[in-house]
C-alpha atoms as a PDB file:
ATOM      1  CA  MET A   1      22.372 -17.510   5.667  1.00  0.00           C
ATOM      2  CA  LYS A   2      20.449 -17.512   2.383  1.00  0.00           C
ATOM      3  CA  PHE A   3      17.193 -17.077   4.288  1.00  0.00           C
ATOM      4  CA  ARG A   4      18.545 -13.955   6.015  1.00  0.00           C
ATOM      5  CA  LEU A   5      19.640 -12.479   2.699  1.00  0.00           C
ATOM      6  CA  PHE A   6      16.216 -13.248   1.233  1.00  0.00           C
ATOM      7  CA  LEU A   7      14.508 -11.650   4.237  1.00  0.00           C
ATOM      8  CA  VAL A   8      16.645  -8.507   3.992  1.00  0.00           C
ATOM      9  CA  LEU A   9      15.910  -8.222   0.267  1.00  0.00           C
ATOM     10  CA  CYS A  10      12.165  -8.603   0.909  1.00  0.00           C
ATOM     11  CA  VAL A  11      12.259  -5.841   3.514  1.00  0.00           C
ATOM     12  CA  LEU A  12      14.164  -3.554   1.145  1.00  0.00           C
ATOM     13  CA  VAL A  13      11.698  -4.173  -1.688  1.00  0.00           C
ATOM     14  CA  VAL A  14       8.715  -3.453   0.557  1.00  0.00           C
ATOM     15  CA  ALA A  15      10.377  -0.323   1.934  1.00  0.00           C
ATOM     16  CA  ALA A  16      11.238   0.890  -1.558  1.00  0.00           C
ATOM     17  CA  ALA A  17       7.615   0.464  -2.687  1.00  0.00           C
ATOM     18  CA  CYS A  18       6.283   2.690   0.071  1.00  0.00           C
ATOM     19  CA  VAL A  19       5.383   6.309  -0.188  1.00  0.00           C
ATOM     20  CA  SER A  20       6.802   8.461   2.561  1.00  0.00           C
ATOM     21  CA  THR A  21       4.527  11.273   3.704  1.00  0.00           C
ATOM     22  CA  LYS A  22       5.291  14.121   6.069  1.00  0.00           C
ATOM     23  CA  ALA A  23       3.091  16.896   7.363  1.00  0.00           C
ATOM     24  CA  VAL A  24       3.959  20.319   8.646  1.00  0.00           C
ATOM     25  CA  MET A  25       1.173  21.604  10.875  1.00  0.00           C
ATOM     26  CA  LEU A  26       0.389  25.275  10.348  1.00  0.00           C
ATOM     27  CA  ASP A  27      -1.125  25.717  13.824  1.00  0.00           C
ATOM     28  CA  LYS A  28       0.110  23.142  16.320  1.00  0.00           C
ATOM     29  CA  THR A  29      -2.334  24.330  18.989  1.00  0.00           C
ATOM     30  CA  VAL A  30      -5.407  23.086  17.078  1.00  0.00           C
ATOM     31  CA  LYS A  31      -6.289  19.395  16.765  1.00  0.00           C
ATOM     32  CA  TYR A  32      -9.140  17.913  14.748  1.00  0.00           C
ATOM     33  CA  PRO A  33     -10.726  14.466  14.971  1.00  0.00           C
ATOM     34  CA  PRO A  34      -9.595  12.094  12.195  1.00  0.00           C
ATOM     35  CA  VAL A  35     -11.562  11.830   8.955  1.00  0.00           C
ATOM     36  CA  PRO A  36     -11.704   8.548   6.979  1.00  0.00           C
ATOM     37  CA  TRP A  37      -9.222   8.988   4.136  1.00  0.00           C
ATOM     38  CA  GLU A  38     -11.784   7.800   1.582  1.00  0.00           C
ATOM     39  CA  GLU A  39     -13.886  10.868   2.475  1.00  0.00           C
ATOM     40  CA  VAL A  40     -11.028  13.347   1.971  1.00  0.00           C
ATOM     41  CA  LYS A  41     -11.795  15.334  -1.169  1.00  0.00           C
ATOM     42  CA  VAL A  42      -9.200  16.501  -3.682  1.00  0.00           C
ATOM     43  CA  PHE A  43      -9.189  19.950  -5.278  1.00  0.00           C
ATOM     44  CA  LEU A  44      -6.720  21.292  -7.811  1.00  0.00           C
ATOM     45  CA  SER A  45      -6.854  24.926  -6.722  1.00  0.00           C
ATOM     46  CA  GLU A  46      -8.258  27.098  -3.957  1.00  0.00           C
ATOM     47  CA  LYS A  47     -10.827  28.461  -6.438  1.00  0.00           C
ATOM     48  CA  ASP A  48     -12.329  24.974  -6.751  1.00  0.00           C
ATOM     49  CA  VAL A  49     -13.048  24.668  -3.015  1.00  0.00           C
ATOM     50  CA  PRO A  50     -16.704  25.410  -2.227  1.00  0.00           C
ATOM     51  CA  GLY A  51     -17.189  27.551   0.851  1.00  0.00           C
ATOM     52  CA  GLU A  52     -14.756  28.730   3.459  1.00  0.00           C
ATOM     53  CA  PHE A  53     -11.898  26.674   4.825  1.00  0.00           C
ATOM     54  CA  VAL A  54      -8.821  26.867   6.989  1.00  0.00           C
ATOM     55  CA  LYS A  55      -5.425  25.527   5.941  1.00  0.00           C
ATOM     56  CA  ILE A  56      -4.188  23.081   8.571  1.00  0.00           C
ATOM     57  CA  ALA A  57      -1.043  21.478   7.144  1.00  0.00           C
ATOM     58  CA  ILE A  58       1.394  21.173   4.279  1.00  0.00           C
ATOM     59  CA  ILE A  59       1.728  17.549   3.194  1.00  0.00           C
ATOM     60  CA  LYS A  60       4.718  16.276   1.261  1.00  0.00           C
ATOM     61  CA  ALA A  61       4.992  12.815  -0.254  1.00  0.00           C
ATOM     62  CA  GLU A  62       7.904  11.025  -1.854  1.00  0.00           C
ATOM     63  CA  GLY A  63       8.379   7.617  -3.432  1.00  0.00           C
ATOM     64  CA  LYS A  64      10.626   5.808  -5.880  1.00  0.00           C
ATOM     65  CA  GLU A  65       9.460   6.519  -9.414  1.00  0.00           C
ATOM     66  CA  GLY A  66       9.719   2.945 -10.651  1.00  0.00           C
ATOM     67  CA  VAL A  67       7.524   1.442  -7.930  1.00  0.00           C
ATOM     68  CA  THR A  68       5.244   4.320  -6.891  1.00  0.00           C
ATOM     69  CA  THR A  69       2.358   5.594  -8.972  1.00  0.00           C
ATOM     70  CA  ALA A  70       0.854   9.056  -8.851  1.00  0.00           C
ATOM     71  CA  GLU A  71      -2.397   7.421  -7.703  1.00  0.00           C
ATOM     72  CA  LYS A  72      -0.648   5.776  -4.747  1.00  0.00           C
ATOM     73  CA  MET A  73       0.972   9.090  -3.801  1.00  0.00           C
ATOM     74  CA  LEU A  74      -2.412  10.818  -3.886  1.00  0.00           C
ATOM     75  CA  GLU A  75      -3.918   8.054  -1.743  1.00  0.00           C
ATOM     76  CA  GLU A  76      -1.138   8.372   0.841  1.00  0.00           C
ATOM     77  CA  MET A  77      -1.519  12.161   0.980  1.00  0.00           C
ATOM     78  CA  LYS A  78      -5.270  11.688   1.582  1.00  0.00           C
ATOM     79  CA  LYS A  79      -4.494   9.200   4.374  1.00  0.00           C
ATOM     80  CA  LYS A  80      -2.134  11.659   6.055  1.00  0.00           C
ATOM     81  CA  ALA A  81      -4.652  14.502   5.667  1.00  0.00           C
ATOM     82  CA  GLY A  82      -7.475  12.380   7.075  1.00  0.00           C
ATOM     83  CA  ALA A  83      -5.359  11.413  10.080  1.00  0.00           C
ATOM     84  CA  LEU A  84      -4.900  15.148  10.754  1.00  0.00           C
ATOM     85  CA  GLY A  85      -8.651  15.764  10.517  1.00  0.00           C
ATOM     86  CA  ALA A  86      -8.635  17.421   7.103  1.00  0.00           C
ATOM     87  CA  ASP A  87     -11.781  17.356   4.986  1.00  0.00           C
ATOM     88  CA  ALA A  88      -9.867  17.869   1.758  1.00  0.00           C
ATOM     89  CA  ILE A  89      -6.519  18.555   0.155  1.00  0.00           C
ATOM     90  CA  ILE A  90      -5.553  21.093  -2.444  1.00  0.00           C
ATOM     91  CA  LEU A  91      -3.102  19.234  -4.657  1.00  0.00           C
ATOM     92  CA  GLU A  92      -0.267  21.518  -5.634  1.00  0.00           C
ATOM     93  CA  GLU A  93       1.812  19.014  -7.593  1.00  0.00           C
ATOM     94  CA  ILE A  94       2.924  15.480  -8.211  1.00  0.00           C
ATOM     95  CA  LYS A  95       6.244  15.741  -9.955  1.00  0.00           C
ATOM     96  CA  ASP A  96       8.255  13.023 -11.643  1.00  0.00           C
ATOM     97  CA  PRO A  97      12.041  13.247 -11.551  1.00  0.00           C
ATOM     98  CA  GLY A  98      13.780  14.773 -14.517  1.00  0.00           C
ATOM     99  CA  ASP A  99      16.376  13.073 -16.691  1.00  0.00           C
ATOM    100  CA  VAL A 100      19.271  14.363 -14.567  1.00  0.00           C
ATOM    101  CA  GLU A 101      17.716  12.954 -11.359  1.00  0.00           C
ATOM    102  CA  ARG A 102      17.018   9.618 -13.061  1.00  0.00           C
ATOM    103  CA  MET A 103      20.615   9.392 -14.277  1.00  0.00           C
ATOM    104  CA  ALA A 104      21.993  10.338 -10.854  1.00  0.00           C
ATOM    105  CA  ASP A 105      19.763   7.712  -9.228  1.00  0.00           C
ATOM    106  CA  SER A 106      20.974   5.089 -11.666  1.00  0.00           C
ATOM    107  CA  ILE A 107      24.637   5.964 -11.088  1.00  0.00           C
ATOM    108  CA  SER A 108      24.192   6.071  -7.303  1.00  0.00           C
ATOM    109  CA  GLY A 109      22.662   2.607  -7.244  1.00  0.00           C
ATOM    110  CA  GLY A 110      19.158   3.801  -6.405  1.00  0.00           C
ATOM    111  CA  LEU A 111      19.720   6.165  -3.494  1.00  0.00           C
ATOM    112  CA  GLY A 112      16.382   7.863  -4.090  1.00  0.00           C
ATOM    113  CA  LEU A 113      17.572  10.697  -6.292  1.00  0.00           C
ATOM    114  CA  GLY A 114      14.970   9.660  -8.879  1.00  0.00           C
ATOM    115  CA  SER A 115      11.978  10.038  -6.614  1.00  0.00           C
ATOM    116  CA  ARG A 116       8.460  11.118  -7.507  1.00  0.00           C
ATOM    117  CA  LYS A 117       7.389  13.974  -5.226  1.00  0.00           C
ATOM    118  CA  GLY A 118       4.045  15.433  -4.291  1.00  0.00           C
ATOM    119  CA  ARG A 119       2.806  18.381  -2.278  1.00  0.00           C
ATOM    120  CA  ALA A 120      -0.655  19.304  -1.038  1.00  0.00           C
ATOM    121  CA  ILE A 121      -2.339  21.615   1.456  1.00  0.00           C
ATOM    122  CA  ALA A 122      -4.646  19.900   3.956  1.00  0.00           C
ATOM    123  CA  ILE A 123      -7.775  21.945   4.650  1.00  0.00           C
ATOM    124  CA  LYS A 124     -10.703  21.886   7.060  1.00  0.00           C
ATOM    125  CA  PHE A 125     -14.070  23.267   5.991  1.00  0.00           C
ATOM    126  CA  LYS A 126     -15.475  25.994   8.227  1.00  0.00           C
ATOM    127  CA  THR A 127     -18.914  25.158   9.598  1.00  0.00           C
ATOM    128  CA  SER A 128     -21.767  27.610   9.644  1.00  0.00           C
ATOM    129  CA  LYS A 129     -23.285  28.825  12.909  1.00  0.00           C
ATOM    130  CA  LYS A 130     -26.415  26.775  12.204  1.00  0.00           C
ATOM    131  CA  GLU A 131     -24.355  23.547  12.003  1.00  0.00           C
ATOM    132  CA  LYS A 132     -22.626  24.205  15.351  1.00  0.00           C
ATOM    133  CA  LYS A 133     -25.888  23.995  17.312  1.00  0.00           C
END
């Protein structure tokens, strides 16, 4: 019985430490081959992106503030973008919960109201006609 309780607690701790990412594809008819997440570049605005690109997805990430770092959230967004074939992401925000959300999370027993949230746009660079040959 104690082993089962220990196992359940371990699963809950691991699950709580994870970052949940979701993607909304902007054009579901187009598929790209995956890109290694380590090669996915990060830009802070569209102005920073060199050359032309197409927006392929909106990526949202969420994780418990106490166990998830902004770096881990960024890594998970890059992994999701790479899996979709994105060459880069334009990071719109990584937002920590405010005091009200933290208090609500504390009162609720940790239901996730105090979550860190991130949002990015996954992009694919357009290739020139010379590169397509």
